[in-house]
Structure formats: C-alpha cells, structure tokens
Amino acid sequence: MSKVVLLATVSAVLVLGACAKHHRPAPMEPVAAPIYVEPVSSKSKY
C-alpha cells in the first residue's frame, strides 16, 4: 500500500510541475492616468 501512495505522490508532483512550467502570466495592461478636472471659478463670490 505504501508503494502505491508513494507512486501516486510522485506522479502528482511531476504532473503539477509540468503544468506549472507551461503556465504563462497574463499580459500586463498599462494603468490609465487618473482623471483630474481643474475647478472652475464662478463669477459670483458664493
């Protein structure tokens, strides 16, 4: 039984390692600049 568990563990490690090796990170998108609106002064004081 222990040989079966050991074989399953080694197989799982090999499969996961092979899958992780082929994983490509997602392309990074540029961060958009924050939108800033300058305050407009009104003609009246208040």
PDB file of N, CA and C in Angstrom:
ATOM      1  N   MET A   1       0.831  -1.198   0.000  1.00  0.00           N
ATOM      2  CA  MET A   1       0.000   0.000   0.000  1.00  0.00           C
ATOM      3  C   MET A   1       0.872   1.257   0.000  1.00  0.00           C
ATOM      4  N   SER A   2       1.966   1.245   0.742  1.00  0.00           N
ATOM      5  CA  SER A   2       2.797   2.439   0.816  1.00  0.00           C
ATOM      6  C   SER A   2       3.461   2.739  -0.525  1.00  0.00           C
ATOM      7  N   LYS A   3       3.740   1.682  -1.318  1.00  0.00           N
ATOM      8  CA  LYS A   3       4.323   1.907  -2.641  1.00  0.00           C
ATOM      9  C   LYS A   3       3.323   2.601  -3.555  1.00  0.00           C
ATOM     10  N   VAL A   4       2.052   2.263  -3.419  1.00  0.00           N
ATOM     11  CA  VAL A   4       1.006   2.879  -4.231  1.00  0.00           C
ATOM     12  C   VAL A   4       0.871   4.355  -3.856  1.00  0.00           C
ATOM     13  N   VAL A   5       0.900   4.656  -2.578  1.00  0.00           N
ATOM     14  CA  VAL A   5       0.793   6.038  -2.115  1.00  0.00           C
ATOM     15  C   VAL A   5       2.018   6.832  -2.568  1.00  0.00           C
ATOM     16  N   LEU A   6       3.198   6.236  -2.462  1.00  0.00           N
ATOM     17  CA  LEU A   6       4.426   6.907  -2.883  1.00  0.00           C
ATOM     18  C   LEU A   6       4.399   7.167  -4.399  1.00  0.00           C
ATOM     19  N   LEU A   7       3.965   6.200  -5.175  1.00  0.00           N
ATOM     20  CA  LEU A   7       3.874   6.358  -6.624  1.00  0.00           C
ATOM     21  C   LEU A   7       2.859   7.444  -6.991  1.00  0.00           C
ATOM     22  N   ALA A   8       1.728   7.480  -6.304  1.00  0.00           N
ATOM     23  CA  ALA A   8       0.709   8.498  -6.573  1.00  0.00           C
ATOM     24  C   ALA A   8       1.232   9.889  -6.217  1.00  0.00           C
ATOM     25  N   THR A   9       1.972   9.996  -5.130  1.00  0.00           N
ATOM     26  CA  THR A   9       2.526  11.283  -4.716  1.00  0.00           C
ATOM     27  C   THR A   9       3.561  11.779  -5.721  1.00  0.00           C
ATOM     28  N   VAL A  10       4.451  10.907  -6.144  1.00  0.00           N
ATOM     29  CA  VAL A  10       5.475  11.290  -7.115  1.00  0.00           C
ATOM     30  C   VAL A  10       4.825  11.671  -8.441  1.00  0.00           C
ATOM     31  N   SER A  11       3.823  10.928  -8.860  1.00  0.00           N
ATOM     32  CA  SER A  11       3.121  11.238 -10.107  1.00  0.00           C
ATOM     33  C   SER A  11       2.435  12.600 -10.026  1.00  0.00           C
ATOM     34  N   ALA A  12       1.799  12.879  -8.899  1.00  0.00           N
ATOM     35  CA  ALA A  12       1.115  14.164  -8.731  1.00  0.00           C
ATOM     36  C   ALA A  12       2.110  15.318  -8.772  1.00  0.00           C
ATOM     37  N   VAL A  13       3.267  15.146  -8.147  1.00  0.00           N
ATOM     38  CA  VAL A  13       4.287  16.195  -8.154  1.00  0.00           C
ATOM     39  C   VAL A  13       4.803  16.427  -9.570  1.00  0.00           C
ATOM     40  N   LEU A  14       5.026  15.371 -10.314  1.00  0.00           N
ATOM     41  CA  LEU A  14       5.513  15.512 -11.687  1.00  0.00           C
ATOM     42  C   LEU A  14       4.480  16.190 -12.589  1.00  0.00           C
ATOM     43  N   VAL A  15       3.229  15.821 -12.454  1.00  0.00           N
ATOM     44  CA  VAL A  15       2.172  16.415 -13.283  1.00  0.00           C
ATOM     45  C   VAL A  15       2.013  17.892 -12.940  1.00  0.00           C
ATOM     46  N   LEU A  16       1.975  18.224 -11.663  1.00  0.00           N
ATOM     47  CA  LEU A  16       1.825  19.616 -11.262  1.00  0.00           C
ATOM     48  C   LEU A  16       3.038  20.441 -11.681  1.00  0.00           C
ATOM     49  N   GLY A  17       4.213  19.866 -11.594  1.00  0.00           N
ATOM     50  CA  GLY A  17       5.417  20.569 -12.021  1.00  0.00           C
ATOM     51  C   GLY A  17       5.412  20.839 -13.513  1.00  0.00           C
ATOM     52  N   ALA A  18       4.946  19.884 -14.295  1.00  0.00           N
ATOM     53  CA  ALA A  18       4.889  20.068 -15.741  1.00  0.00           C
ATOM     54  C   ALA A  18       3.857  21.120 -16.117  1.00  0.00           C
ATOM     55  N   CYS A  19       2.736  21.135 -15.416  1.00  0.00           N
ATOM     56  CA  CYS A  19       1.703  22.139 -15.699  1.00  0.00           C
ATOM     57  C   CYS A  19       2.185  23.531 -15.303  1.00  0.00           C
ATOM     58  N   ALA A  20       2.880  23.646 -14.201  1.00  0.00           N
ATOM     59  CA  ALA A  20       3.356  24.945 -13.732  1.00  0.00           C
ATOM     60  C   ALA A  20       4.437  25.491 -14.657  1.00  0.00           C
ATOM     61  N   LYS A  21       5.196  24.617 -15.285  1.00  0.00           N
ATOM     62  CA  LYS A  21       6.267  25.057 -16.178  1.00  0.00           C
ATOM     63  C   LYS A  21       5.692  25.706 -17.437  1.00  0.00           C
ATOM     64  N   HIS A  22       4.532  25.254 -17.891  1.00  0.00           N
ATOM     65  CA  HIS A  22       3.931  25.768 -19.114  1.00  0.00           C
ATOM     66  C   HIS A  22       3.004  26.948 -18.867  1.00  0.00           C
ATOM     67  N   HIS A  23       2.815  27.335 -17.619  1.00  0.00           N
ATOM     68  CA  HIS A  23       1.916  28.441 -17.301  1.00  0.00           C
ATOM     69  C   HIS A  23       2.547  29.758 -17.719  1.00  0.00           C
ATOM     70  N   ARG A  24       1.782  30.567 -18.457  1.00  0.00           N
ATOM     71  CA  ARG A  24       2.259  31.882 -18.876  1.00  0.00           C
ATOM     72  C   ARG A  24       1.492  32.949 -18.109  1.00  0.00           C
ATOM     73  N   PRO A  25       2.185  33.940 -17.587  1.00  0.00           N
ATOM     74  CA  PRO A  25       1.469  35.004 -16.870  1.00  0.00           C
ATOM     75  C   PRO A  25       0.649  35.858 -17.838  1.00  0.00           C
ATOM     76  N   ALA A  26      -0.441  36.400 -17.345  1.00  0.00           N
ATOM     77  CA  ALA A  26      -1.303  37.236 -18.174  1.00  0.00           C
ATOM     78  C   ALA A  26      -0.569  38.520 -18.531  1.00  0.00           C
ATOM     79  N   PRO A  27      -0.770  39.008 -19.747  1.00  0.00           N
ATOM     80  CA  PRO A  27      -0.086  40.251 -20.128  1.00  0.00           C
ATOM     81  C   PRO A  27      -0.580  41.426 -19.280  1.00  0.00           C
ATOM     82  N   MET A  28       0.358  42.287 -18.901  1.00  0.00           N
ATOM     83  CA  MET A  28       0.018  43.432 -18.064  1.00  0.00           C
ATOM     84  C   MET A  28      -0.540  44.553 -18.934  1.00  0.00           C
ATOM     85  N   GLU A  29      -1.639  45.146 -18.502  1.00  0.00           N
ATOM     86  CA  GLU A  29      -2.205  46.281 -19.214  1.00  0.00           C
ATOM     87  C   GLU A  29      -1.700  47.560 -18.567  1.00  0.00           C
ATOM     88  N   PRO A  30      -1.425  48.589 -19.350  1.00  0.00           N
ATOM     89  CA  PRO A  30      -0.952  49.836 -18.755  1.00  0.00           C
ATOM     90  C   PRO A  30      -2.030  50.467 -17.881  1.00  0.00           C
ATOM     91  N   VAL A  31      -1.597  51.080 -16.811  1.00  0.00           N
ATOM     92  CA  VAL A  31      -2.527  51.716 -15.897  1.00  0.00           C
ATOM     93  C   VAL A  31      -2.922  53.073 -16.472  1.00  0.00           C
ATOM     94  N   ALA A  32      -4.217  53.325 -16.528  1.00  0.00           N
ATOM     95  CA  ALA A  32      -4.695  54.596 -17.069  1.00  0.00           C
ATOM     96  C   ALA A  32      -4.407  55.716 -16.076  1.00  0.00           C
ATOM     97  N   ALA A  33      -4.120  56.896 -16.601  1.00  0.00           N
ATOM     98  CA  ALA A  33      -3.861  58.052 -15.746  1.00  0.00           C
ATOM     99  C   ALA A  33      -5.162  58.472 -15.063  1.00  0.00           C
ATOM    100  N   PRO A  34      -5.085  58.907 -13.823  1.00  0.00           N
ATOM    101  CA  PRO A  34      -6.304  59.331 -13.139  1.00  0.00           C
ATOM    102  C   PRO A  34      -6.906  60.575 -13.805  1.00  0.00           C
ATOM    103  N   ILE A  35      -8.219  60.636 -13.808  1.00  0.00           N
ATOM    104  CA  ILE A  35      -8.903  61.775 -14.415  1.00  0.00           C
ATOM    105  C   ILE A  35      -8.943  62.907 -13.394  1.00  0.00           C
ATOM    106  N   TYR A  36      -8.458  64.064 -13.787  1.00  0.00           N
ATOM    107  CA  TYR A  36      -8.450  65.213 -12.900  1.00  0.00           C
ATOM    108  C   TYR A  36      -9.060  66.403 -13.628  1.00  0.00           C
ATOM    109  N   VAL A  37     -10.061  67.025 -13.007  1.00  0.00           N
ATOM    110  CA  VAL A  37     -10.714  68.195 -13.578  1.00  0.00           C
ATOM    111  C   VAL A  37     -10.384  69.380 -12.693  1.00  0.00           C
ATOM    112  N   GLU A  38      -9.815  70.407 -13.292  1.00  0.00           N
ATOM    113  CA  GLU A  38      -9.483  71.593 -12.502  1.00  0.00           C
ATOM    114  C   GLU A  38     -10.752  72.343 -12.138  1.00  0.00           C
ATOM    115  N   PRO A  39     -10.807  72.881 -10.927  1.00  0.00           N
ATOM    116  CA  PRO A  39     -12.001  73.627 -10.523  1.00  0.00           C
ATOM    117  C   PRO A  39     -12.137  74.914 -11.344  1.00  0.00           C
ATOM    118  N   VAL A  40     -13.371  75.228 -11.684  1.00  0.00           N
ATOM    119  CA  VAL A  40     -13.651  76.433 -12.462  1.00  0.00           C
ATOM    120  C   VAL A  40     -14.227  77.466 -11.513  1.00  0.00           C
ATOM    121  N   SER A  41     -13.629  78.656 -11.495  1.00  0.00           N
ATOM    122  CA  SER A  41     -14.140  79.695 -10.587  1.00  0.00           C
ATOM    123  C   SER A  41     -15.412  80.298 -11.171  1.00  0.00           C
ATOM    124  N   SER A  42     -16.346  80.548 -10.301  1.00  0.00           N
ATOM    125  CA  SER A  42     -17.597  81.164 -10.738  1.00  0.00           C
ATOM    126  C   SER A  42     -17.453  82.682 -10.684  1.00  0.00           C
ATOM    127  N   LYS A  43     -18.341  83.393 -11.343  1.00  0.00           N
ATOM    128  CA  LYS A  43     -18.270  84.856 -11.388  1.00  0.00           C
ATOM    129  C   LYS A  43     -18.712  85.473 -10.080  1.00  0.00           C
ATOM    130  N   SER A  44     -19.584  84.804  -9.361  1.00  0.00           N
ATOM    131  CA  SER A  44     -20.030  85.350  -8.073  1.00  0.00           C
ATOM    132  C   SER A  44     -19.130  84.832  -6.959  1.00  0.00           C
ATOM    133  N   LYS A  45     -19.164  85.537  -5.824  1.00  0.00           N
ATOM    134  CA  LYS A  45     -18.327  85.115  -4.699  1.00  0.00           C
ATOM    135  C   LYS A  45     -18.825  83.786  -4.140  1.00  0.00           C
ATOM    136  N   TYR A  46     -20.138  83.662  -3.954  1.00  0.00           N
ATOM    137  CA  TYR A  46     -20.688  82.448  -3.363  1.00  0.00           C
ATOM    138  C   TYR A  46     -21.758  81.921  -4.224  1.00  0.00           C
TER     139      TYR A  46
END
